Amino acid sequence: MSEEKKIIELHLSSLPVPKSNRYIRKKGGKVFKPPRIRNWEARAIWEIKQQYNGNPLEGQLSMEVILVLPNRRKRDIDNMLKSLWDVLEKAKVIRNDNQIYEIRTVKKIEKGMQKTIVFIKTMHNSH
């Protein structure tokens, strides 16, 4: 019996704001996120919840992330993906980013455009 793969497609109107230790400062023992990160997270979570309201996905996941970039400026894709994983958790699409077993990231340059497209599939556990 084959397990059906659930495919979710999500569209974000902007690129993930790269998250790195230099952006998150501890203030009196509390984690402080600059407004740029907080604002992006709030917007991204809102956009995701408009598109997905099911239960968090279970098991191993495979993802394809398409980053539509407005220009050829160098960007830290690893830190952008970390921000994306965080909002997928907060929006309750996934339980934890440790569920991601496979990732494909594609950069596309479209002058003056920026957006993020995410495809998520559940993987058949092959034990």
C-alpha atoms as a PDB file:
ATOM      1  CA  MET A   1       0.000   0.000   0.000  1.00  0.00           C
ATOM      2  CA  SER A   2       1.525   3.322  -1.009  1.00  0.00           C
ATOM      3  CA  GLU A   3       1.280   6.406   1.157  1.00  0.00           C
ATOM      4  CA  GLU A   4      -0.114   9.443  -0.636  1.00  0.00           C
ATOM      5  CA  LYS A   5       2.185  12.434  -0.583  1.00  0.00           C
ATOM      6  CA  LYS A   6       0.532  15.611   0.610  1.00  0.00           C
ATOM      7  CA  ILE A   7       1.702  18.639  -1.349  1.00  0.00           C
ATOM      8  CA  ILE A   8       1.286  22.131   0.020  1.00  0.00           C
ATOM      9  CA  GLU A   9       2.132  25.230  -2.002  1.00  0.00           C
ATOM     10  CA  LEU A  10       2.646  28.526  -0.186  1.00  0.00           C
ATOM     11  CA  HIS A  11       3.360  31.977  -1.636  1.00  0.00           C
ATOM     12  CA  LEU A  12       4.964  34.817   0.304  1.00  0.00           C
ATOM     13  CA  SER A  13       5.009  38.351  -1.070  1.00  0.00           C
ATOM     14  CA  SER A  14       8.610  38.950  -0.030  1.00  0.00           C
ATOM     15  CA  LEU A  15      11.908  37.234   0.638  1.00  0.00           C
ATOM     16  CA  PRO A  16      12.758  35.884   4.088  1.00  0.00           C
ATOM     17  CA  VAL A  17      14.776  38.356   6.146  1.00  0.00           C
ATOM     18  CA  PRO A  18      18.065  36.597   6.915  1.00  0.00           C
ATOM     19  CA  LYS A  19      18.321  35.610  10.532  1.00  0.00           C
ATOM     20  CA  SER A  20      21.737  35.498  12.113  1.00  0.00           C
ATOM     21  CA  ASN A  21      23.110  36.012  15.597  1.00  0.00           C
ATOM     22  CA  ARG A  22      24.052  39.594  14.847  1.00  0.00           C
ATOM     23  CA  TYR A  23      20.364  40.463  14.320  1.00  0.00           C
ATOM     24  CA  ILE A  24      19.157  38.939  17.583  1.00  0.00           C
ATOM     25  CA  ARG A  25      20.618  40.612  20.649  1.00  0.00           C
ATOM     26  CA  LYS A  26      20.065  39.685  24.255  1.00  0.00           C
ATOM     27  CA  LYS A  27      18.721  42.548  26.302  1.00  0.00           C
ATOM     28  CA  GLY A  28      18.428  41.869  30.019  1.00  0.00           C
ATOM     29  CA  GLY A  29      18.412  38.127  29.298  1.00  0.00           C
ATOM     30  CA  LYS A  30      15.600  38.498  26.738  1.00  0.00           C
ATOM     31  CA  VAL A  31      15.923  37.844  23.040  1.00  0.00           C
ATOM     32  CA  PHE A  32      15.418  41.031  21.062  1.00  0.00           C
ATOM     33  CA  LYS A  33      14.532  40.944  17.378  1.00  0.00           C
ATOM     34  CA  PRO A  34      14.930  44.116  15.355  1.00  0.00           C
ATOM     35  CA  PRO A  35      11.683  45.499  13.858  1.00  0.00           C
ATOM     36  CA  ARG A  36      12.733  44.427  10.340  1.00  0.00           C
ATOM     37  CA  ILE A  37      12.712  40.736  11.387  1.00  0.00           C
ATOM     38  CA  ARG A  38       9.586  41.041  13.587  1.00  0.00           C
ATOM     39  CA  ASN A  39       7.662  42.792  10.807  1.00  0.00           C
ATOM     40  CA  TRP A  40       8.663  40.225   8.171  1.00  0.00           C
ATOM     41  CA  GLU A  41       7.745  37.332  10.481  1.00  0.00           C
ATOM     42  CA  ALA A  42       4.319  38.810  11.309  1.00  0.00           C
ATOM     43  CA  ARG A  43       3.537  39.432   7.635  1.00  0.00           C
ATOM     44  CA  ALA A  44       4.787  35.986   6.544  1.00  0.00           C
ATOM     45  CA  ILE A  45       2.804  34.172   9.255  1.00  0.00           C
ATOM     46  CA  TRP A  46      -0.332  36.112   8.277  1.00  0.00           C
ATOM     47  CA  GLU A  47       0.170  35.238   4.584  1.00  0.00           C
ATOM     48  CA  ILE A  48       0.770  31.550   5.381  1.00  0.00           C
ATOM     49  CA  LYS A  49      -2.341  31.345   7.573  1.00  0.00           C
ATOM     50  CA  GLN A  50      -4.412  32.748   4.688  1.00  0.00           C
ATOM     51  CA  GLN A  51      -3.257  29.767   2.600  1.00  0.00           C
ATOM     52  CA  TYR A  52      -2.972  26.913   5.134  1.00  0.00           C
ATOM     53  CA  ASN A  53      -5.161  26.188   8.134  1.00  0.00           C
ATOM     54  CA  GLY A  54      -4.693  22.440   8.541  1.00  0.00           C
ATOM     55  CA  ASN A  55      -2.841  20.597  11.266  1.00  0.00           C
ATOM     56  CA  PRO A  56       0.965  20.704  11.361  1.00  0.00           C
ATOM     57  CA  LEU A  57       2.425  18.179   8.952  1.00  0.00           C
ATOM     58  CA  GLU A  58       3.723  14.953  10.467  1.00  0.00           C
ATOM     59  CA  GLY A  59       6.794  12.910   9.653  1.00  0.00           C
ATOM     60  CA  GLN A  60       9.625  13.527   7.249  1.00  0.00           C
ATOM     61  CA  LEU A  61       9.247  16.399   4.806  1.00  0.00           C
ATOM     62  CA  SER A  62      10.688  17.337   1.452  1.00  0.00           C
ATOM     63  CA  MET A  63      10.715  21.007   0.445  1.00  0.00           C
ATOM     64  CA  GLU A  64      11.408  23.057  -2.617  1.00  0.00           C
ATOM     65  CA  VAL A  65      11.902  26.776  -2.040  1.00  0.00           C
ATOM     66  CA  ILE A  66      11.949  29.196  -4.969  1.00  0.00           C
ATOM     67  CA  LEU A  67      13.412  32.586  -4.108  1.00  0.00           C
ATOM     68  CA  VAL A  68      12.531  35.213  -6.714  1.00  0.00           C
ATOM     69  CA  LEU A  69      15.204  37.871  -6.329  1.00  0.00           C
ATOM     70  CA  PRO A  70      14.949  41.433  -7.681  1.00  0.00           C
ATOM     71  CA  ASN A  71      18.650  41.626  -8.600  1.00  0.00           C
ATOM     72  CA  ARG A  72      21.953  39.742  -8.484  1.00  0.00           C
ATOM     73  CA  ARG A  73      23.043  41.116  -5.107  1.00  0.00           C
ATOM     74  CA  LYS A  74      24.697  38.481  -2.920  1.00  0.00           C
ATOM     75  CA  ARG A  75      22.371  37.039  -0.282  1.00  0.00           C
ATOM     76  CA  ASP A  76      22.876  34.562   2.540  1.00  0.00           C
ATOM     77  CA  ILE A  77      20.430  31.837   1.552  1.00  0.00           C
ATOM     78  CA  ASP A  78      21.168  29.645   4.610  1.00  0.00           C
ATOM     79  CA  ASN A  79      20.017  32.371   6.996  1.00  0.00           C
ATOM     80  CA  MET A  80      17.011  33.132   4.779  1.00  0.00           C
ATOM     81  CA  LEU A  81      15.958  29.482   5.019  1.00  0.00           C
ATOM     82  CA  LYS A  82      16.321  29.543   8.824  1.00  0.00           C
ATOM     83  CA  SER A  83      13.868  32.465   8.940  1.00  0.00           C
ATOM     84  CA  LEU A  84      11.488  30.594   6.646  1.00  0.00           C
ATOM     85  CA  TRP A  85      11.593  27.451   8.822  1.00  0.00           C
ATOM     86  CA  ASP A  86      10.799  29.581  11.895  1.00  0.00           C
ATOM     87  CA  VAL A  87       7.672  31.093  10.338  1.00  0.00           C
ATOM     88  CA  LEU A  88       6.513  27.691   9.045  1.00  0.00           C
ATOM     89  CA  GLU A  89       6.720  26.448  12.651  1.00  0.00           C
ATOM     90  CA  LYS A  90       4.997  29.523  14.106  1.00  0.00           C
ATOM     91  CA  ALA A  91       2.220  29.305  11.493  1.00  0.00           C
ATOM     92  CA  LYS A  92       1.794  25.620  12.456  1.00  0.00           C
ATOM     93  CA  VAL A  93       2.511  24.223   8.984  1.00  0.00           C
ATOM     94  CA  ILE A  94       5.305  22.056  10.415  1.00  0.00           C
ATOM     95  CA  ARG A  95       5.971  20.993  13.998  1.00  0.00           C
ATOM     96  CA  ASN A  96       9.744  21.429  13.868  1.00  0.00           C
ATOM     97  CA  ASP A  97      12.390  22.111  11.247  1.00  0.00           C
ATOM     98  CA  ASN A  98      14.042  18.798  12.158  1.00  0.00           C
ATOM     99  CA  GLN A  99      11.271  17.190  10.057  1.00  0.00           C
ATOM    100  CA  ILE A 100      12.952  18.531   6.910  1.00  0.00           C
ATOM    101  CA  TYR A 101      14.918  15.684   5.362  1.00  0.00           C
ATOM    102  CA  GLU A 102      15.253  17.041   1.856  1.00  0.00           C
ATOM    103  CA  ILE A 103      15.516  20.603   0.563  1.00  0.00           C
ATOM    104  CA  ARG A 104      15.937  22.054  -2.902  1.00  0.00           C
ATOM    105  CA  THR A 105      16.495  25.792  -3.188  1.00  0.00           C
ATOM    106  CA  VAL A 106      16.187  27.648  -6.476  1.00  0.00           C
ATOM    107  CA  LYS A 107      17.163  31.286  -7.046  1.00  0.00           C
ATOM    108  CA  LYS A 108      15.464  33.123  -9.895  1.00  0.00           C
ATOM    109  CA  ILE A 109      16.302  36.677 -10.875  1.00  0.00           C
ATOM    110  CA  GLU A 110      13.303  38.744 -12.006  1.00  0.00           C
ATOM    111  CA  LYS A 111      14.232  42.407 -12.175  1.00  0.00           C
ATOM    112  CA  GLY A 112      12.352  44.412  -9.560  1.00  0.00           C
ATOM    113  CA  MET A 113      10.376  41.388  -8.282  1.00  0.00           C
ATOM    114  CA  GLN A 114      10.664  39.522  -5.012  1.00  0.00           C
ATOM    115  CA  LYS A 115       8.669  36.638  -3.596  1.00  0.00           C
ATOM    116  CA  THR A 116       9.067  33.214  -2.049  1.00  0.00           C
ATOM    117  CA  ILE A 117       7.289  30.065  -3.197  1.00  0.00           C
ATOM    118  CA  VAL A 118       7.397  26.949  -1.012  1.00  0.00           C
ATOM    119  CA  PHE A 119       6.343  23.411  -1.963  1.00  0.00           C
ATOM    120  CA  ILE A 120       6.139  20.920   0.914  1.00  0.00           C
ATOM    121  CA  LYS A 121       5.646  17.179   0.470  1.00  0.00           C
ATOM    122  CA  THR A 122       5.429  14.465   3.060  1.00  0.00           C
ATOM    123  CA  MET A 123       7.935  11.709   2.412  1.00  0.00           C
ATOM    124  CA  HIS A 124       7.179   8.021   2.633  1.00  0.00           C
ATOM    125  CA  ASN A 125       9.229   6.770   5.571  1.00  0.00           C
ATOM    126  CA  SER A 126      11.426   4.032   4.155  1.00  0.00           C
ATOM    127  CA  HIS A 127      12.602   2.087   7.171  1.00  0.00           C
END
